[in-house]
N, C-alpha and C. Protein backbone atom coordinates (compact mmCIF):
# COMPACT_ATOMS: atom_id res chain seq x y z
N ALA A 1 77.12 -41.39 -72.57
CA ALA A 1 77.85 -40.17 -72.03
C ALA A 1 77.27 -39.02 -72.66
N SER A 2 77.65 -37.91 -72.18
CA SER A 2 77.26 -36.52 -72.65
C SER A 2 77.68 -36.15 -73.94
N ARG A 3 78.74 -36.77 -74.47
CA ARG A 3 79.23 -36.38 -75.86
C ARG A 3 78.20 -36.84 -76.91
N ASN A 4 77.26 -37.59 -76.78
CA ASN A 4 76.10 -37.89 -77.45
C ASN A 4 75.04 -36.96 -77.50
N GLY A 5 75.13 -36.04 -76.53
CA GLY A 5 74.07 -34.98 -76.57
C GLY A 5 72.93 -35.42 -75.71
N ILE A 6 72.01 -34.40 -75.39
CA ILE A 6 70.65 -34.46 -74.70
C ILE A 6 69.82 -34.66 -75.89
N ARG A 7 68.92 -35.69 -76.06
CA ARG A 7 67.96 -35.95 -76.90
C ARG A 7 66.42 -35.22 -76.24
N PHE A 8 65.99 -34.53 -77.40
CA PHE A 8 64.72 -33.97 -77.19
C PHE A 8 63.73 -34.63 -78.18
N LEU A 9 62.44 -35.27 -77.59
CA LEU A 9 61.71 -35.91 -78.35
C LEU A 9 60.37 -35.36 -78.87
N GLU A 10 59.73 -35.76 -79.80
CA GLU A 10 58.51 -35.37 -80.19
C GLU A 10 57.44 -35.91 -79.26
N PRO A 11 56.47 -35.29 -78.54
CA PRO A 11 55.64 -35.75 -77.68
C PRO A 11 54.58 -36.91 -78.04
N ILE A 12 54.28 -36.90 -79.34
CA ILE A 12 53.39 -38.10 -79.64
C ILE A 12 53.99 -39.37 -79.89
N ASN A 13 55.14 -39.47 -80.73
CA ASN A 13 55.47 -40.65 -80.89
C ASN A 13 57.02 -40.92 -80.55
N TYR A 14 57.52 -39.95 -79.74
CA TYR A 14 58.80 -39.93 -79.16
C TYR A 14 59.77 -40.36 -80.08
N GLN A 15 59.71 -39.50 -81.25
CA GLN A 15 60.80 -39.68 -82.38
C GLN A 15 61.79 -38.44 -81.95
N GLU A 16 63.00 -38.62 -82.06
CA GLU A 16 63.92 -37.66 -81.69
C GLU A 16 63.88 -36.49 -82.52
N VAL A 17 63.74 -35.16 -82.07
CA VAL A 17 63.45 -34.05 -82.98
C VAL A 17 64.87 -33.06 -83.12
N PHE A 18 65.67 -33.12 -82.03
CA PHE A 18 66.89 -32.46 -82.34
C PHE A 18 67.59 -33.00 -80.89
N ARG A 19 68.93 -32.74 -81.05
CA ARG A 19 69.83 -33.12 -79.89
C ARG A 19 70.74 -32.01 -79.58
N LEU A 20 71.06 -31.75 -78.40
CA LEU A 20 71.78 -30.53 -77.86
C LEU A 20 72.95 -31.06 -77.17
N THR A 21 73.99 -30.16 -77.02
CA THR A 21 75.28 -30.57 -76.41
C THR A 21 74.88 -30.04 -74.82
N ASP A 22 75.65 -30.75 -73.95
CA ASP A 22 75.47 -30.42 -72.55
C ASP A 22 75.83 -29.18 -72.20
N GLY A 23 75.06 -28.31 -71.38
CA GLY A 23 75.24 -26.91 -71.02
C GLY A 23 74.81 -26.04 -72.07
N THR A 24 74.01 -26.51 -73.16
CA THR A 24 73.37 -25.48 -74.09
C THR A 24 72.07 -24.81 -73.37
N LYS A 25 71.84 -23.52 -73.59
CA LYS A 25 70.94 -22.66 -73.22
C LYS A 25 69.71 -22.95 -74.22
N ILE A 26 68.46 -23.16 -73.45
CA ILE A 26 67.49 -23.24 -74.66
C ILE A 26 66.34 -22.12 -73.92
N SER A 27 65.45 -21.96 -74.85
CA SER A 27 64.40 -20.96 -74.50
C SER A 27 62.98 -21.88 -74.66
N ILE A 28 62.37 -21.36 -73.63
CA ILE A 28 60.94 -22.08 -73.45
C ILE A 28 59.70 -21.11 -73.71
N THR A 29 59.11 -21.07 -74.76
CA THR A 29 57.98 -20.11 -74.68
C THR A 29 56.67 -20.58 -74.83
N ASN A 30 55.83 -20.08 -73.93
CA ASN A 30 54.40 -20.48 -73.92
C ASN A 30 53.33 -19.23 -73.76
N GLU A 31 52.24 -19.27 -73.42
CA GLU A 31 51.33 -18.20 -73.39
C GLU A 31 51.62 -17.24 -72.35
N PHE A 32 52.55 -17.75 -71.22
CA PHE A 32 52.85 -16.64 -70.26
C PHE A 32 54.14 -15.98 -70.50
N GLY A 33 54.78 -16.55 -71.62
CA GLY A 33 56.14 -15.56 -71.75
C GLY A 33 57.12 -16.64 -72.25
N ARG A 34 58.34 -16.17 -72.12
CA ARG A 34 59.65 -16.87 -72.50
C ARG A 34 60.64 -16.90 -71.34
N ASN A 35 61.25 -17.88 -71.11
CA ASN A 35 62.19 -18.24 -70.18
C ASN A 35 63.32 -18.95 -70.76
N ILE A 36 64.44 -18.71 -70.03
CA ILE A 36 65.78 -19.28 -70.70
C ILE A 36 66.43 -20.24 -69.58
N TYR A 37 66.75 -21.41 -69.97
CA TYR A 37 67.34 -22.48 -68.97
C TYR A 37 68.58 -23.09 -69.61
N ILE A 38 69.46 -23.43 -68.73
CA ILE A 38 70.79 -24.20 -69.04
C ILE A 38 70.32 -25.66 -69.22
N CYS A 39 70.62 -26.33 -70.00
CA CYS A 39 70.31 -27.95 -70.04
C CYS A 39 71.59 -28.81 -69.55
N ARG A 40 71.34 -29.61 -68.87
CA ARG A 40 72.30 -30.57 -68.53
C ARG A 40 72.15 -32.04 -68.81
N PHE A 41 73.09 -32.61 -69.22
CA PHE A 41 72.82 -34.23 -69.63
C PHE A 41 73.01 -34.82 -68.13
N VAL A 42 72.20 -35.78 -67.82
CA VAL A 42 72.16 -36.57 -66.58
C VAL A 42 72.69 -37.97 -67.02
N ASP A 43 71.89 -38.50 -67.79
CA ASP A 43 72.26 -40.00 -68.54
C ASP A 43 71.37 -40.17 -69.74
N PRO A 44 71.69 -41.03 -70.57
CA PRO A 44 70.81 -41.23 -71.90
C PRO A 44 69.31 -40.78 -71.93
N THR A 45 68.67 -41.16 -70.70
CA THR A 45 67.09 -40.89 -70.77
C THR A 45 66.88 -39.66 -69.66
N HIS A 46 67.82 -38.86 -69.13
CA HIS A 46 67.51 -37.78 -68.19
C HIS A 46 68.20 -36.60 -68.64
N LEU A 47 67.47 -35.44 -68.39
CA LEU A 47 68.09 -34.02 -68.50
C LEU A 47 67.72 -33.19 -67.61
N GLN A 48 68.50 -32.09 -67.22
CA GLN A 48 68.17 -31.34 -66.09
C GLN A 48 68.13 -29.92 -66.95
N VAL A 49 66.88 -29.29 -66.70
CA VAL A 49 66.44 -28.07 -67.33
C VAL A 49 66.45 -27.09 -66.34
N GLY A 50 67.31 -26.14 -66.10
CA GLY A 50 67.22 -25.31 -65.06
C GLY A 50 67.58 -26.04 -63.75
N GLN A 51 66.84 -25.90 -62.86
CA GLN A 51 66.78 -26.60 -61.71
C GLN A 51 65.87 -27.89 -61.58
N SER A 52 65.20 -28.29 -62.55
CA SER A 52 64.26 -29.35 -62.67
C SER A 52 64.95 -30.70 -63.28
N MET A 53 64.61 -31.85 -62.81
CA MET A 53 65.05 -33.09 -63.60
C MET A 53 63.95 -33.48 -64.31
N TYR A 54 64.23 -34.31 -65.48
CA TYR A 54 63.18 -34.73 -66.26
C TYR A 54 63.59 -36.17 -66.94
N HIS A 55 62.71 -37.02 -66.97
CA HIS A 55 63.06 -38.18 -67.93
C HIS A 55 62.48 -37.50 -69.44
N ILE A 56 63.22 -37.85 -70.51
CA ILE A 56 63.03 -37.38 -71.74
C ILE A 56 61.73 -37.44 -72.09
N ASN A 57 61.18 -38.70 -71.96
CA ASN A 57 59.55 -38.63 -72.47
C ASN A 57 58.62 -37.87 -71.50
N ASP A 58 58.89 -37.69 -70.38
CA ASP A 58 58.12 -36.82 -69.60
C ASP A 58 58.40 -35.07 -70.18
N PHE A 59 59.50 -34.78 -70.41
CA PHE A 59 59.87 -33.56 -70.72
C PHE A 59 58.93 -33.35 -72.06
N ALA A 60 59.04 -34.22 -73.00
CA ALA A 60 58.41 -34.56 -74.39
C ALA A 60 56.77 -34.14 -73.97
N CYS A 61 56.25 -34.84 -72.92
CA CYS A 61 54.77 -34.68 -72.89
C CYS A 61 54.46 -33.61 -72.16
N ASP A 62 55.22 -33.06 -71.19
CA ASP A 62 55.10 -31.85 -70.24
C ASP A 62 55.30 -30.70 -70.76
N VAL A 63 56.49 -30.58 -71.46
CA VAL A 63 56.82 -29.20 -72.02
C VAL A 63 56.67 -29.33 -73.57
N MET A 64 57.32 -29.93 -74.32
CA MET A 64 57.38 -29.77 -75.88
C MET A 64 55.97 -29.89 -76.32
N ARG A 65 54.84 -30.53 -75.68
CA ARG A 65 53.58 -30.58 -76.12
C ARG A 65 52.90 -29.32 -76.16
N TYR A 66 53.11 -28.49 -75.20
CA TYR A 66 52.48 -27.25 -75.20
C TYR A 66 53.18 -26.07 -75.23
N CYS A 67 54.71 -25.96 -75.52
CA CYS A 67 55.58 -24.98 -75.44
C CYS A 67 56.51 -25.13 -76.73
N LYS A 68 56.93 -23.92 -77.16
CA LYS A 68 58.04 -23.93 -78.15
C LYS A 68 59.37 -23.90 -77.66
N VAL A 69 60.21 -24.98 -77.88
CA VAL A 69 61.38 -25.07 -77.42
C VAL A 69 62.52 -24.97 -78.33
N CYS A 70 63.39 -24.01 -78.04
CA CYS A 70 64.56 -23.89 -79.07
C CYS A 70 65.86 -23.53 -78.39
N ALA A 71 67.00 -23.97 -78.98
CA ALA A 71 68.36 -23.73 -78.61
C ALA A 71 68.67 -22.12 -78.66
N ILE A 72 69.71 -21.83 -77.79
CA ILE A 72 69.99 -20.53 -78.06
C ILE A 72 71.52 -20.36 -78.44
N ALA A 73 71.86 -19.84 -79.45
CA ALA A 73 73.19 -19.88 -79.92
C ALA A 73 74.14 -18.92 -78.99
């Protein structure tokens, strides 16, 4: 259930780094700049970031490995 939050994992060992509630905005920063997205809970292993769907492991490998990701209050 979404009440358990969206898990964000470390890209090397897939340990949980942090957990956010459904609908939280995140900032993703890389060498090209900063973008802000709304995160949506899909199921315990999937999330939607903006218009893109990810398995939480894929998000860890594709995004968290190369970018700084943080929640926006």
